[in-house]
Amino acid sequence: QVYLVESGGGSVQSGGSLRVSCAASLNISTICGMGWYRLGTGKERELVSSISNDGTITYTDSVKGRFTISQDNAKNTLYLQMNSLKTDDSGVYYCGVDLGTGLGCDHEIKPLDVWGQGTLVTVSS
């Protein structure tokens, strides 16, 4: 059974920093990749950043230059360092995993429909 536990959120003022973590119950070095998704004011989770095990990293335009995604394979943990936080960064942050298929990994991360409780990030002005 796959489970994901997000942590590290909190309440900060604009310009502050947070580092959120996602602990996974599987060996993340053997999967296609992982991503961070944010549930803000909309109804859907939106991809913020992803990292593939071929080294490819993506960021949504609004966080480029401010956020950094990384992972620790030994700890099966995904991280997102968030600097220079803005009010619009607020939301519940979730991580997702792409296990791939027997055919291999797609270029774009496609998360399994398994989500943790998320971790709340609140940025105030």
Protein backbone atom coordinates (compact mmCIF):
# COMPACT_ATOMS: atom_id res chain seq x y z
CA GLN A 1 0.00 0.00 0.00
CA VAL A 2 1.33 3.42 -0.98
CA TYR A 3 1.00 6.23 1.50
CA LEU A 4 2.38 9.74 1.49
CA VAL A 5 2.83 12.03 4.46
CA GLU A 6 3.37 15.74 3.90
CA SER A 7 4.73 18.03 6.59
CA GLY A 8 6.53 21.30 7.14
CA GLY A 9 3.84 23.82 6.34
CA GLY A 10 3.03 26.79 8.47
CA SER A 11 2.10 30.44 8.55
CA VAL A 12 4.60 33.05 7.42
CA GLN A 13 4.65 36.63 6.23
CA SER A 14 5.37 37.60 2.66
CA GLY A 15 9.05 37.23 1.90
CA GLY A 16 9.52 34.38 4.33
CA SER A 17 10.60 30.80 3.67
CA LEU A 18 9.35 27.30 4.33
CA ARG A 19 10.51 23.81 3.47
CA VAL A 20 7.85 21.17 3.02
CA SER A 21 8.56 17.45 3.02
CA CYS A 22 6.85 14.34 1.72
CA ALA A 23 7.72 10.96 3.17
CA ALA A 24 6.78 8.05 0.93
CA SER A 25 6.23 4.41 1.82
CA LEU A 26 8.07 3.12 -1.23
CA ASN A 27 11.49 3.20 -2.79
CA ILE A 28 11.37 6.45 -4.74
CA SER A 29 14.58 5.67 -6.58
CA THR A 30 12.74 3.03 -8.62
CA ILE A 31 9.80 5.16 -9.80
CA CYS A 32 9.44 7.58 -12.67
CA GLY A 33 9.19 10.71 -10.56
CA MET A 34 7.39 12.82 -8.01
CA GLY A 35 5.73 16.18 -7.87
CA TRP A 36 4.33 18.84 -5.60
CA TYR A 37 0.75 19.96 -6.14
CA ARG A 38 -1.08 22.86 -4.57
CA LEU A 39 -4.75 23.19 -3.78
CA GLY A 40 -5.38 26.91 -3.54
CA THR A 41 -8.61 28.77 -4.13
CA GLY A 42 -9.51 26.49 -7.04
CA LYS A 43 -11.09 23.05 -6.85
CA GLU A 44 -8.23 21.13 -8.45
CA ARG A 45 -4.70 20.40 -7.40
CA GLU A 46 -2.24 22.20 -9.64
CA LEU A 47 1.29 21.06 -10.36
CA VAL A 48 3.87 23.34 -8.77
CA SER A 49 7.05 21.38 -9.41
CA SER A 50 8.16 17.93 -10.46
CA ILE A 51 11.33 15.88 -10.49
CA SER A 52 11.91 12.83 -12.65
CA ASN A 53 14.45 10.13 -12.00
CA ASP A 54 16.19 10.98 -15.24
CA GLY A 55 17.03 14.34 -13.65
CA THR A 56 14.38 16.47 -15.31
CA ILE A 57 12.93 19.21 -13.08
CA THR A 58 9.98 21.45 -13.80
CA TYR A 59 8.47 24.49 -12.10
CA THR A 60 5.34 26.40 -12.80
CA ASP A 61 6.17 29.90 -14.00
CA SER A 62 4.92 31.63 -10.88
CA VAL A 63 7.51 29.96 -8.62
CA LYS A 64 10.57 29.87 -10.86
CA GLY A 65 13.59 31.35 -9.15
CA ARG A 66 12.00 31.05 -5.72
CA PHE A 67 11.27 27.34 -5.18
CA THR A 68 13.62 24.38 -5.34
CA ILE A 69 12.55 20.74 -5.52
CA SER A 70 14.80 17.92 -4.38
CA GLN A 71 14.67 14.38 -3.06
CA ASP A 72 16.59 12.13 -0.71
CA ASN A 73 16.41 8.59 -2.03
CA ALA A 74 17.87 7.09 1.13
CA LYS A 75 15.01 8.58 3.14
CA ASN A 76 12.35 8.16 0.43
CA THR A 77 11.52 11.81 0.94
CA LEU A 78 10.67 14.66 -1.41
CA TYR A 79 11.30 18.29 -0.49
CA LEU A 80 10.25 21.70 -1.70
CA GLN A 81 12.22 24.69 -0.50
CA MET A 82 10.06 27.79 -0.83
CA ASN A 83 11.71 31.19 -0.58
CA SER A 84 10.43 34.73 -1.02
CA LEU A 85 6.93 33.50 -0.38
CA LYS A 86 3.99 35.44 -1.72
CA THR A 87 0.37 35.50 -0.70
CA ASP A 88 -0.58 33.63 -3.87
CA ASP A 89 1.62 30.71 -2.80
CA SER A 90 -0.86 29.91 -0.04
CA GLY A 91 -2.67 26.61 -0.15
CA VAL A 92 -2.48 22.98 0.81
CA TYR A 93 0.57 21.28 -0.65
CA TYR A 94 0.39 17.63 -1.65
CA CYS A 95 2.93 15.32 -3.19
CA GLY A 96 2.23 12.77 -5.87
CA VAL A 97 4.14 9.80 -7.25
CA ASP A 98 4.39 8.47 -10.78
CA LEU A 99 5.02 4.74 -10.73
CA GLY A 100 5.12 4.42 -14.50
CA THR A 101 4.15 1.35 -16.45
CA GLY A 102 5.86 -1.68 -17.84
CA LEU A 103 6.50 0.34 -20.99
CA GLY A 104 8.65 2.83 -19.12
CA CYS A 105 8.29 6.42 -18.00
CA ASP A 106 6.42 9.16 -19.81
CA HIS A 107 8.06 12.54 -20.21
CA GLU A 108 5.36 14.21 -18.12
CA ILE A 109 4.69 13.22 -14.52
CA LYS A 110 1.35 11.46 -14.15
CA PRO A 111 0.60 11.01 -10.45
CA LEU A 112 -1.05 7.99 -8.96
CA ASP A 113 -4.40 8.81 -7.39
CA VAL A 114 -3.03 8.44 -3.87
CA TRP A 115 -2.69 11.55 -1.75
CA GLY A 116 -1.69 12.32 1.80
CA GLN A 117 -3.32 14.80 4.12
CA GLY A 118 -1.36 17.67 2.63
CA THR A 119 0.41 20.41 4.53
CA LEU A 120 -1.05 23.88 4.81
CA VAL A 121 0.99 26.90 3.79
CA THR A 122 -0.42 30.29 4.68
CA VAL A 123 1.36 33.44 3.55
CA SER A 124 0.11 36.73 4.92
CA SER A 125 0.87 40.24 3.75
